[in-house]
N, C-alpha and C. Protein backbone atom coordinates (compact mmCIF):
# COMPACT_ATOMS: atom_id res chain seq x y z
N MET A 1 -1.79 13.43 3.81
CA MET A 1 -1.73 12.71 2.44
C MET A 1 -2.97 13.03 1.60
N GLU A 2 -2.72 12.89 0.47
CA GLU A 2 -3.86 13.02 -0.46
C GLU A 2 -3.71 11.84 -1.29
N LEU A 3 -4.60 11.25 -1.68
CA LEU A 3 -4.93 10.32 -2.67
C LEU A 3 -5.41 10.75 -4.14
N VAL A 4 -5.11 10.66 -5.02
CA VAL A 4 -5.39 11.00 -6.36
C VAL A 4 -5.39 9.99 -7.28
N PHE A 5 -6.74 9.39 -7.66
CA PHE A 5 -7.02 8.17 -8.33
C PHE A 5 -6.76 8.49 -9.78
N LYS A 6 -6.06 7.77 -10.36
CA LYS A 6 -5.91 7.97 -11.83
C LYS A 6 -6.66 7.00 -12.49
N GLU A 7 -6.76 5.74 -11.96
CA GLU A 7 -7.38 4.53 -12.41
C GLU A 7 -8.06 3.59 -11.39
N ASP A 8 -9.31 3.20 -11.61
CA ASP A 8 -10.02 2.42 -10.61
C ASP A 8 -11.00 1.64 -11.20
N THR A 9 -10.62 0.44 -11.27
CA THR A 9 -11.48 -0.47 -12.23
C THR A 9 -11.76 -1.77 -11.39
N LYS A 10 -12.53 -2.68 -11.60
CA LYS A 10 -12.65 -3.90 -10.99
C LYS A 10 -11.27 -4.63 -10.67
N THR A 11 -10.44 -4.40 -11.38
CA THR A 11 -9.06 -5.35 -11.24
C THR A 11 -8.05 -4.54 -11.43
N LYS A 12 -7.95 -3.13 -11.34
CA LYS A 12 -7.05 -2.35 -11.45
C LYS A 12 -7.15 -0.97 -10.74
N LEU A 13 -5.90 -0.75 -10.05
CA LEU A 13 -5.96 0.53 -9.28
C LEU A 13 -4.62 1.29 -9.68
N VAL A 14 -4.72 2.52 -9.90
CA VAL A 14 -3.56 3.56 -10.25
C VAL A 14 -3.58 4.56 -9.16
N VAL A 15 -3.10 4.97 -8.16
CA VAL A 15 -3.41 5.98 -7.16
C VAL A 15 -1.93 6.81 -6.89
N ASP A 16 -2.09 8.08 -7.19
CA ASP A 16 -0.89 9.06 -6.61
C ASP A 16 -1.01 9.35 -4.87
N ILE A 17 -0.22 9.15 -4.26
CA ILE A 17 -0.03 9.38 -2.86
C ILE A 17 0.80 10.56 -2.50
N LYS A 18 0.02 11.63 -2.52
CA LYS A 18 0.71 12.97 -2.32
C LYS A 18 0.69 13.18 -0.68
N GLY A 19 1.99 13.45 -0.34
CA GLY A 19 2.46 13.72 0.90
C GLY A 19 3.03 12.79 1.78
N GLU A 20 3.36 11.75 0.78
CA GLU A 20 4.09 10.48 1.36
C GLU A 20 5.37 10.22 0.55
N ASP A 21 6.09 9.49 1.00
CA ASP A 21 7.31 8.95 0.32
C ASP A 21 7.40 7.51 -0.01
N THR A 22 8.39 6.84 -0.70
CA THR A 22 8.47 5.73 -1.19
C THR A 22 8.50 4.48 0.04
N THR A 23 8.84 5.12 1.06
CA THR A 23 8.83 4.11 2.50
C THR A 23 7.47 3.48 2.45
N LEU A 24 6.27 4.39 2.53
CA LEU A 24 4.92 3.92 2.56
C LEU A 24 4.62 2.70 1.49
N CYS A 25 5.02 3.19 0.42
CA CYS A 25 4.75 2.05 -0.83
C CYS A 25 5.59 0.80 -0.78
N ASN A 26 6.74 0.91 -0.22
CA ASN A 26 7.63 -0.38 -0.33
C ASN A 26 6.48 -1.07 0.56
N LEU A 27 6.21 -0.41 1.94
CA LEU A 27 5.74 -1.36 3.04
C LEU A 27 4.20 -1.92 2.20
N LEU A 28 3.32 -1.09 1.82
CA LEU A 28 2.38 -1.70 1.03
C LEU A 28 2.43 -2.65 0.05
N VAL A 29 3.36 -2.46 -0.98
CA VAL A 29 3.70 -3.52 -2.06
C VAL A 29 4.09 -4.92 -1.46
N ARG A 30 4.73 -4.65 -0.45
CA ARG A 30 5.35 -6.05 0.37
C ARG A 30 4.20 -6.66 0.88
N GLU A 31 3.36 -5.87 1.30
CA GLU A 31 2.16 -6.66 1.86
C GLU A 31 1.03 -7.07 1.11
N LEU A 32 0.97 -6.22 -0.21
CA LEU A 32 -0.07 -6.57 -1.12
C LEU A 32 0.27 -7.96 -1.52
N TYR A 33 1.50 -8.30 -1.73
CA TYR A 33 1.84 -9.59 -2.37
C TYR A 33 1.53 -10.70 -1.56
N GLN A 34 1.16 -10.60 -0.27
CA GLN A 34 0.99 -11.62 0.67
C GLN A 34 -0.64 -12.10 0.55
N ASP A 35 -1.35 -11.32 -0.45
CA ASP A 35 -2.57 -11.73 -0.86
C ASP A 35 -2.59 -12.49 -2.32
N SER A 36 -3.29 -13.65 -2.21
CA SER A 36 -3.25 -14.47 -3.33
C SER A 36 -3.93 -13.96 -4.48
N ALA A 37 -4.96 -12.75 -4.39
CA ALA A 37 -5.79 -12.50 -5.37
C ALA A 37 -5.28 -11.23 -6.17
N VAL A 38 -3.75 -10.70 -5.56
CA VAL A 38 -2.99 -9.69 -6.11
C VAL A 38 -2.01 -10.26 -7.23
N LYS A 39 -2.33 -9.83 -8.47
CA LYS A 39 -1.18 -10.30 -9.49
C LYS A 39 -0.15 -9.56 -9.67
N TYR A 40 -0.36 -7.95 -9.32
CA TYR A 40 0.79 -7.35 -9.31
C TYR A 40 0.52 -5.85 -8.54
N ALA A 41 1.68 -5.76 -7.83
CA ALA A 41 1.80 -4.37 -7.03
C ALA A 41 3.03 -3.85 -7.36
N SER A 42 3.29 -2.71 -7.30
CA SER A 42 4.24 -1.92 -7.49
C SER A 42 4.04 -0.22 -7.43
N TYR A 43 5.12 0.45 -7.63
CA TYR A 43 5.01 1.79 -7.22
C TYR A 43 6.07 2.43 -8.30
N ALA A 44 6.02 3.76 -8.51
CA ALA A 44 7.04 4.65 -9.39
C ALA A 44 6.90 5.92 -8.87
N VAL A 45 7.98 6.48 -9.15
CA VAL A 45 7.91 8.21 -8.87
C VAL A 45 8.37 8.59 -10.47
N GLU A 46 7.44 9.44 -10.88
CA GLU A 46 7.76 9.88 -12.10
C GLU A 46 8.72 10.72 -12.30
N HIS A 47 8.75 11.74 -11.30
CA HIS A 47 10.00 12.73 -11.52
C HIS A 47 10.41 12.72 -9.93
N PRO A 48 11.75 12.74 -9.79
CA PRO A 48 12.17 12.91 -8.37
C PRO A 48 11.94 14.25 -7.64
N SER A 49 12.10 15.26 -8.35
CA SER A 49 12.00 16.46 -7.73
C SER A 49 10.46 16.66 -7.23
N ALA A 50 9.56 16.05 -7.92
CA ALA A 50 8.03 15.90 -7.55
C ALA A 50 7.65 15.16 -6.40
N ASN A 51 8.50 13.75 -6.38
CA ASN A 51 8.60 12.93 -4.99
C ASN A 51 7.03 12.59 -4.72
N ILE A 52 5.96 12.30 -5.67
CA ILE A 52 4.99 11.85 -5.42
C ILE A 52 4.88 10.26 -6.09
N PRO A 53 4.68 9.61 -5.30
CA PRO A 53 4.73 8.05 -5.86
C PRO A 53 3.47 7.66 -6.11
N THR A 54 3.31 6.70 -7.03
CA THR A 54 2.23 6.25 -7.88
C THR A 54 2.16 4.63 -7.55
N LEU A 55 1.20 4.33 -6.86
CA LEU A 55 0.78 2.76 -6.49
C LEU A 55 0.17 2.25 -7.79
N PHE A 56 0.73 1.02 -8.02
CA PHE A 56 -0.24 0.25 -8.90
C PHE A 56 -0.56 -1.01 -8.51
N VAL A 57 -1.77 -1.46 -8.66
CA VAL A 57 -2.42 -2.61 -7.98
C VAL A 57 -3.32 -3.41 -8.93
N GLU A 58 -3.12 -4.64 -9.27
CA GLU A 58 -3.78 -5.41 -10.37
C GLU A 58 -4.08 -6.64 -9.39
N THR A 59 -5.38 -6.88 -9.73
CA THR A 59 -5.86 -8.17 -9.08
C THR A 59 -6.62 -9.41 -9.79
N THR A 60 -6.90 -10.23 -9.34
CA THR A 60 -7.88 -11.30 -10.14
C THR A 60 -9.19 -10.67 -10.02
N SER A 61 -10.13 -11.33 -10.45
CA SER A 61 -11.39 -10.83 -10.66
C SER A 61 -12.15 -11.32 -8.93
N ALA A 62 -11.36 -12.25 -8.36
CA ALA A 62 -11.79 -12.78 -7.02
C ALA A 62 -11.97 -11.37 -6.01
N LYS A 63 -11.25 -10.28 -6.11
CA LYS A 63 -11.16 -9.12 -5.39
C LYS A 63 -10.85 -7.98 -5.92
N THR A 64 -11.40 -6.80 -5.45
CA THR A 64 -11.06 -5.60 -6.20
C THR A 64 -9.88 -4.92 -5.56
N PRO A 65 -9.12 -4.30 -6.23
CA PRO A 65 -7.95 -3.79 -5.71
C PRO A 65 -7.98 -3.04 -4.54
N ARG A 66 -9.09 -2.03 -4.50
CA ARG A 66 -9.35 -1.46 -3.07
C ARG A 66 -9.41 -2.40 -1.92
N LYS A 67 -10.21 -3.34 -1.97
CA LYS A 67 -10.45 -4.27 -1.00
C LYS A 67 -9.03 -4.82 -0.52
N ALA A 68 -7.95 -5.23 -1.68
CA ALA A 68 -6.77 -5.90 -1.38
C ALA A 68 -5.97 -4.54 -0.68
N LEU A 69 -6.08 -3.55 -1.37
CA LEU A 69 -5.14 -2.60 -0.43
C LEU A 69 -5.79 -2.22 0.93
N LEU A 70 -7.15 -2.04 1.19
CA LEU A 70 -7.65 -1.89 2.51
C LEU A 70 -7.12 -2.94 3.33
N GLU A 71 -7.22 -4.27 3.10
CA GLU A 71 -6.81 -5.38 3.70
C GLU A 71 -5.28 -5.25 4.15
N ALA A 72 -4.54 -4.92 3.12
CA ALA A 72 -3.11 -4.81 3.50
C ALA A 72 -2.72 -3.88 4.55
N VAL A 73 -3.37 -2.63 4.14
CA VAL A 73 -3.30 -1.64 5.32
C VAL A 73 -3.61 -2.05 6.55
N GLU A 74 -4.77 -2.94 6.70
CA GLU A 74 -5.00 -3.25 8.01
C GLU A 74 -3.95 -4.43 8.58
N ARG A 75 -3.45 -5.39 7.74
CA ARG A 75 -2.45 -5.90 8.24
C ARG A 75 -1.19 -5.33 8.64
N VAL A 76 -0.79 -4.16 8.06
CA VAL A 76 0.14 -3.38 8.36
C VAL A 76 -0.03 -2.69 9.69
N LYS A 77 -1.05 -2.45 10.08
CA LYS A 77 -1.66 -1.54 11.07
C LYS A 77 -1.57 -2.69 12.26
N LYS A 78 -1.62 -3.97 12.36
CA LYS A 78 -1.51 -4.96 13.34
C LYS A 78 -0.26 -5.19 13.51
N VAL A 79 0.81 -5.20 12.52
CA VAL A 79 2.18 -5.37 12.68
C VAL A 79 2.49 -4.26 13.82
N ASN A 80 2.01 -3.11 12.95
CA ASN A 80 2.89 -2.05 13.87
C ASN A 80 2.37 -1.90 15.05
N ASP A 81 1.19 -2.30 15.37
CA ASP A 81 0.65 -2.15 16.86
C ASP A 81 1.41 -3.26 17.64
N ALA A 82 1.57 -4.40 17.35
CA ALA A 82 2.31 -5.39 17.96
C ALA A 82 3.92 -4.96 18.11
N PHE A 83 4.18 -4.34 17.25
CA PHE A 83 5.88 -3.76 17.34
C PHE A 83 5.96 -2.67 18.35
N LYS A 84 4.67 -2.07 18.40
CA LYS A 84 4.82 -0.92 19.59
C LYS A 84 4.60 -1.25 21.04
N LYS A 85 3.60 -2.45 21.09
CA LYS A 85 3.43 -3.02 22.40
C LYS A 85 4.73 -3.63 22.62
N ALA A 86 5.54 -4.46 22.07
CA ALA A 86 6.83 -4.93 22.34
C ALA A 86 7.68 -4.06 22.84
N PHE A 87 7.76 -2.98 21.84
CA PHE A 87 8.91 -1.86 22.29
C PHE A 87 8.41 -1.19 23.76
N GLU A 88 7.08 -0.93 23.98
CA GLU A 88 6.81 -0.19 25.15
C GLU A 88 7.21 -1.21 26.33
N LYS A 89 6.93 -2.46 26.07
CA LYS A 89 7.08 -3.57 27.13
C LYS A 89 8.70 -3.34 27.44
N GLU A 90 9.58 -3.40 26.61
CA GLU A 90 10.63 -3.37 26.81
C GLU A 90 11.44 -2.07 27.31
N LEU A 91 10.68 -1.01 27.00
CA LEU A 91 11.27 0.39 27.84
C LEU A 91 10.67 0.06 29.41
N LYS A 92 9.96 -0.51 29.92
CA LYS A 92 9.63 -0.57 31.32
C LYS A 92 10.70 -1.21 32.13
């Protein structure tokens, strides 16, 4: 995975996520909207053959988009860990 930052200000972040598909972006956008400081979160794929999603995050002045994104990633990791533990338990 490679991140290419196109815009990075105190309230707006636009980043290409090379090497990933829209599955990750869907998850991140859903989780970003759990944060009250996030005003807008979305993604787009400029051209289907390129398949490089661009993530857009806009926040209030209470939190930077980078911080909101990092916190969203941490929440997703916790959910994934809980699922993994539950799944492993059922396999035994």
